Amino acid sequence: MFSHDEYKVDQIKITAGEKVDSEEDIKTISVYMAPSSEKTVQTVAPIDINTDHAYVTKEKAEQKEAKQIETKLADIWEIGSEKITVHMEGGERIGNE
C-alpha cells in the first residue's frame, strides 16, 4: 500500500461528533504507525550514490513518508488530508493535529 514495508498501521483513532453522517462530522483522524516486525530479506542490488543532492536525515525521510501516507489515506477514505495526522513509530506526531 505504501512505498516500503518498514512501517505498518498500528492504531487509528477518530474524533467526531455524536453522529457521523458525513466527512464534516469527523474532526480528526490519528493514524499510529509502528515498525513492521516482518523484515524481508532483499537481494543486494548495485547502488548509485548521487552527491548532487543533500543528505536527508531519518527525521526528514519519516516526515516525507508520513505525508505520503496521509495523502494516500485521504484518497482512500475520501476525506480532507487536513483532518489526518500520522504518528510514526507510535509517538512522533507528523501532520495536522
N, C-alpha and C. Protein backbone atom coordinates (compact mmCIF):
# COMPACT_ATOMS: atom_id res chain seq x y z
N MET A 1 0.82 -1.20 0.00
CA MET A 1 0.00 0.00 0.00
C MET A 1 0.86 1.26 0.00
N PHE A 2 1.93 1.25 0.78
CA PHE A 2 2.80 2.40 0.84
C PHE A 2 4.15 2.06 0.25
N SER A 3 5.05 3.02 0.16
CA SER A 3 6.27 2.85 -0.61
C SER A 3 7.25 1.83 -0.06
N HIS A 4 7.20 1.51 1.20
CA HIS A 4 8.09 0.48 1.74
C HIS A 4 7.45 -0.19 2.94
N ASP A 5 8.05 -1.30 3.35
CA ASP A 5 7.42 -2.09 4.40
C ASP A 5 8.06 -1.91 5.77
N GLU A 6 8.68 -0.76 6.02
CA GLU A 6 9.29 -0.52 7.32
C GLU A 6 8.26 -0.26 8.41
N TYR A 7 7.08 0.22 8.02
CA TYR A 7 6.03 0.56 8.99
C TYR A 7 4.73 -0.14 8.63
N LYS A 8 3.89 -0.32 9.64
CA LYS A 8 2.54 -0.83 9.45
C LYS A 8 1.61 0.02 10.30
N VAL A 9 0.34 0.04 9.94
CA VAL A 9 -0.65 0.77 10.73
C VAL A 9 -0.85 0.01 12.03
N ASP A 10 -0.60 0.67 13.14
CA ASP A 10 -0.73 0.04 14.46
C ASP A 10 -2.09 0.36 15.08
N GLN A 11 -2.53 1.61 14.93
CA GLN A 11 -3.77 2.03 15.58
C GLN A 11 -4.34 3.24 14.86
N ILE A 12 -5.66 3.35 14.84
CA ILE A 12 -6.35 4.50 14.26
C ILE A 12 -7.33 5.03 15.29
N LYS A 13 -7.28 6.35 15.54
CA LYS A 13 -8.23 6.98 16.47
C LYS A 13 -8.99 8.07 15.71
N ILE A 14 -10.30 8.06 15.85
CA ILE A 14 -11.15 9.05 15.19
C ILE A 14 -11.85 9.89 16.23
N THR A 15 -11.81 11.20 16.06
CA THR A 15 -12.54 12.13 16.92
C THR A 15 -13.68 12.70 16.08
N ALA A 16 -14.90 12.54 16.58
CA ALA A 16 -16.06 13.01 15.82
C ALA A 16 -17.17 13.41 16.78
N GLY A 17 -18.20 13.99 16.20
CA GLY A 17 -19.38 14.34 16.98
C GLY A 17 -20.14 13.07 17.35
N GLU A 18 -21.30 13.25 17.98
CA GLU A 18 -22.08 12.10 18.41
C GLU A 18 -22.54 11.24 17.24
N LYS A 19 -22.86 11.86 16.14
CA LYS A 19 -23.37 11.13 14.98
C LYS A 19 -22.48 11.47 13.78
N VAL A 20 -22.10 10.46 13.00
CA VAL A 20 -21.25 10.68 11.83
C VAL A 20 -22.03 10.32 10.58
N ASP A 21 -22.47 11.36 9.88
CA ASP A 21 -23.20 11.16 8.63
C ASP A 21 -22.36 11.52 7.42
N SER A 22 -21.35 12.34 7.63
CA SER A 22 -20.52 12.77 6.50
C SER A 22 -19.14 13.18 7.01
N GLU A 23 -18.26 13.52 6.08
CA GLU A 23 -16.90 13.96 6.42
C GLU A 23 -16.90 15.14 7.38
N GLU A 24 -17.86 16.03 7.26
CA GLU A 24 -17.90 17.22 8.10
C GLU A 24 -18.05 16.87 9.59
N ASP A 25 -18.60 15.70 9.88
CA ASP A 25 -18.80 15.28 11.26
C ASP A 25 -17.52 14.73 11.90
N ILE A 26 -16.52 14.43 11.09
CA ILE A 26 -15.25 13.91 11.61
C ILE A 26 -14.33 15.09 11.89
N LYS A 27 -13.83 15.17 13.12
CA LYS A 27 -12.94 16.27 13.50
C LYS A 27 -11.49 15.93 13.18
N THR A 28 -11.01 14.78 13.63
CA THR A 28 -9.63 14.37 13.37
C THR A 28 -9.54 12.86 13.24
N ILE A 29 -8.52 12.42 12.51
CA ILE A 29 -8.17 11.00 12.44
C ILE A 29 -6.68 10.92 12.74
N SER A 30 -6.32 10.18 13.77
CA SER A 30 -4.91 9.97 14.12
C SER A 30 -4.53 8.55 13.75
N VAL A 31 -3.47 8.42 12.94
CA VAL A 31 -3.00 7.11 12.49
C VAL A 31 -1.63 6.89 13.13
N TYR A 32 -1.50 5.79 13.85
CA TYR A 32 -0.24 5.47 14.53
C TYR A 32 0.46 4.37 13.76
N MET A 33 1.66 4.66 13.28
CA MET A 33 2.47 3.72 12.52
C MET A 33 3.52 3.11 13.44
N ALA A 34 3.71 1.80 13.35
CA ALA A 34 4.70 1.10 14.16
C ALA A 34 5.68 0.41 13.22
N PRO A 35 6.90 0.22 13.68
CA PRO A 35 7.85 -0.52 12.84
C PRO A 35 7.30 -1.91 12.53
N SER A 36 7.43 -2.31 11.30
CA SER A 36 6.95 -3.62 10.89
C SER A 36 7.83 -4.70 11.48
N SER A 37 7.22 -5.70 12.05
CA SER A 37 8.00 -6.80 12.62
C SER A 37 8.42 -7.79 11.54
N GLU A 38 7.80 -7.69 10.40
CA GLU A 38 8.14 -8.58 9.29
C GLU A 38 9.21 -7.94 8.43
N LYS A 39 10.42 -8.35 8.63
CA LYS A 39 11.52 -7.83 7.83
C LYS A 39 11.79 -8.82 6.70
N THR A 40 11.77 -8.31 5.50
CA THR A 40 12.05 -9.17 4.36
C THR A 40 13.49 -8.99 3.93
N VAL A 41 14.08 -10.06 3.51
CA VAL A 41 15.45 -10.02 3.02
C VAL A 41 15.39 -9.82 1.52
N GLN A 42 16.05 -8.79 1.07
CA GLN A 42 16.04 -8.49 -0.35
C GLN A 42 17.43 -8.73 -0.94
N THR A 43 17.45 -9.05 -2.19
CA THR A 43 18.70 -9.27 -2.89
C THR A 43 19.50 -7.97 -2.91
N VAL A 44 20.80 -8.09 -2.72
CA VAL A 44 21.66 -6.91 -2.77
C VAL A 44 21.72 -6.42 -4.21
N ALA A 45 21.43 -5.16 -4.38
CA ALA A 45 21.44 -4.57 -5.71
C ALA A 45 22.50 -3.48 -5.76
N PRO A 46 23.05 -3.22 -6.93
CA PRO A 46 24.01 -2.13 -7.05
C PRO A 46 23.36 -0.81 -6.65
N ILE A 47 24.13 0.06 -6.05
CA ILE A 47 23.59 1.36 -5.66
C ILE A 47 24.35 2.47 -6.35
N ASP A 48 23.69 3.57 -6.50
CA ASP A 48 24.29 4.76 -7.10
C ASP A 48 24.24 5.86 -6.05
N ILE A 49 25.39 6.38 -5.69
CA ILE A 49 25.44 7.46 -4.69
C ILE A 49 25.49 8.78 -5.45
N ASN A 50 24.41 9.53 -5.31
CA ASN A 50 24.30 10.81 -6.01
C ASN A 50 24.72 11.92 -5.06
N THR A 51 25.84 12.52 -5.33
CA THR A 51 26.35 13.58 -4.47
C THR A 51 25.81 14.96 -4.85
N ASP A 52 24.93 15.00 -5.85
CA ASP A 52 24.33 16.27 -6.25
C ASP A 52 23.21 16.71 -5.31
N HIS A 53 22.71 15.77 -4.49
CA HIS A 53 21.61 16.08 -3.58
C HIS A 53 22.10 16.07 -2.14
N ALA A 54 21.47 16.88 -1.33
CA ALA A 54 21.84 16.97 0.09
C ALA A 54 21.42 15.70 0.83
N TYR A 55 22.12 15.40 1.90
CA TYR A 55 21.80 14.27 2.76
C TYR A 55 20.43 14.49 3.41
N VAL A 56 19.62 13.46 3.45
CA VAL A 56 18.29 13.53 4.06
C VAL A 56 18.33 12.76 5.37
N THR A 57 18.02 13.43 6.47
CA THR A 57 18.03 12.78 7.78
C THR A 57 16.86 11.80 7.89
N LYS A 58 16.95 10.90 8.85
CA LYS A 58 15.87 9.94 9.09
C LYS A 58 14.57 10.66 9.42
N GLU A 59 14.69 11.73 10.20
CA GLU A 59 13.50 12.51 10.57
C GLU A 59 12.81 13.09 9.33
N LYS A 60 13.60 13.66 8.42
CA LYS A 60 13.04 14.24 7.20
C LYS A 60 12.43 13.14 6.32
N ALA A 61 13.10 11.99 6.25
CA ALA A 61 12.57 10.87 5.47
C ALA A 61 11.25 10.39 6.05
N GLU A 62 11.16 10.32 7.39
CA GLU A 62 9.91 9.91 8.05
C GLU A 62 8.81 10.93 7.81
N GLN A 63 9.16 12.21 7.83
CA GLN A 63 8.16 13.25 7.56
C GLN A 63 7.61 13.11 6.15
N LYS A 64 8.50 12.84 5.20
CA LYS A 64 8.07 12.66 3.81
C LYS A 64 7.17 11.43 3.70
N GLU A 65 7.57 10.32 4.33
CA GLU A 65 6.76 9.10 4.30
C GLU A 65 5.40 9.34 4.95
N ALA A 66 5.38 10.07 6.07
CA ALA A 66 4.12 10.36 6.77
C ALA A 66 3.19 11.17 5.88
N LYS A 67 3.73 12.13 5.16
CA LYS A 67 2.93 12.95 4.24
C LYS A 67 2.34 12.08 3.12
N GLN A 68 3.15 11.14 2.61
CA GLN A 68 2.67 10.24 1.57
C GLN A 68 1.54 9.35 2.10
N ILE A 69 1.72 8.85 3.31
CA ILE A 69 0.69 8.01 3.94
C ILE A 69 -0.58 8.83 4.15
N GLU A 70 -0.41 10.05 4.65
CA GLU A 70 -1.54 10.95 4.89
C GLU A 70 -2.33 11.19 3.61
N THR A 71 -1.62 11.48 2.53
CA THR A 71 -2.26 11.73 1.23
C THR A 71 -2.98 10.49 0.72
N LYS A 72 -2.33 9.34 0.83
CA LYS A 72 -2.92 8.08 0.36
C LYS A 72 -4.18 7.75 1.16
N LEU A 73 -4.13 7.89 2.48
CA LEU A 73 -5.30 7.61 3.31
C LEU A 73 -6.44 8.58 3.01
N ALA A 74 -6.11 9.85 2.79
CA ALA A 74 -7.13 10.84 2.45
C ALA A 74 -7.84 10.45 1.16
N ASP A 75 -7.08 9.95 0.18
CA ASP A 75 -7.69 9.49 -1.07
C ASP A 75 -8.57 8.26 -0.86
N ILE A 76 -8.06 7.30 -0.09
CA ILE A 76 -8.81 6.06 0.16
C ILE A 76 -10.09 6.35 0.93
N TRP A 77 -9.97 7.14 1.98
CA TRP A 77 -11.10 7.43 2.85
C TRP A 77 -12.00 8.55 2.33
N GLU A 78 -11.55 9.21 1.27
CA GLU A 78 -12.28 10.34 0.69
C GLU A 78 -12.58 11.40 1.73
N ILE A 79 -11.53 11.83 2.41
CA ILE A 79 -11.63 12.85 3.45
C ILE A 79 -10.47 13.82 3.27
N GLY A 80 -10.63 15.04 3.72
CA GLY A 80 -9.57 16.03 3.59
C GLY A 80 -8.33 15.64 4.39
N SER A 81 -7.16 15.75 3.79
CA SER A 81 -5.92 15.38 4.47
C SER A 81 -5.63 16.25 5.68
N GLU A 82 -6.25 17.43 5.76
CA GLU A 82 -6.04 18.30 6.92
C GLU A 82 -6.62 17.70 8.20
N LYS A 83 -7.48 16.69 8.07
CA LYS A 83 -8.06 16.04 9.25
C LYS A 83 -7.25 14.83 9.71
N ILE A 84 -6.22 14.47 8.95
CA ILE A 84 -5.45 13.26 9.25
C ILE A 84 -4.09 13.64 9.82
N THR A 85 -3.70 12.96 10.90
CA THR A 85 -2.36 13.12 11.48
C THR A 85 -1.72 11.74 11.54
N VAL A 86 -0.50 11.65 11.06
CA VAL A 86 0.23 10.37 11.07
C VAL A 86 1.31 10.45 12.14
N HIS A 87 1.33 9.46 13.02
CA HIS A 87 2.33 9.35 14.08
C HIS A 87 3.27 8.21 13.70
N MET A 88 4.53 8.51 13.47
CA MET A 88 5.49 7.47 13.11
C MET A 88 6.06 6.84 14.37
N GLU A 89 6.28 5.55 14.33
CA GLU A 89 6.86 4.77 15.42
C GLU A 89 6.06 4.92 16.71
N GLY A 90 4.76 5.16 16.60
CA GLY A 90 3.88 5.19 17.76
C GLY A 90 4.02 6.41 18.64
N GLY A 91 4.73 7.46 18.22
CA GLY A 91 4.84 8.58 19.12
C GLY A 91 5.09 9.92 18.47
N GLU A 92 5.94 9.96 17.45
CA GLU A 92 6.27 11.24 16.85
C GLU A 92 5.11 11.69 15.97
N ARG A 93 4.60 12.90 16.24
CA ARG A 93 3.45 13.43 15.50
C ARG A 93 3.94 14.11 14.24
N ILE A 94 3.32 13.73 13.12
CA ILE A 94 3.62 14.39 11.85
C ILE A 94 2.29 14.59 11.17
N GLY A 95 1.85 15.85 11.03
CA GLY A 95 0.59 16.08 10.37
C GLY A 95 -0.13 17.29 10.91
N ASN A 96 -1.45 17.17 11.06
CA ASN A 96 -2.30 18.31 11.31
C ASN A 96 -2.88 18.38 12.71
N GLU A 97 -2.42 17.57 13.62
CA GLU A 97 -3.00 17.56 14.97
C GLU A 97 -2.42 18.67 15.83
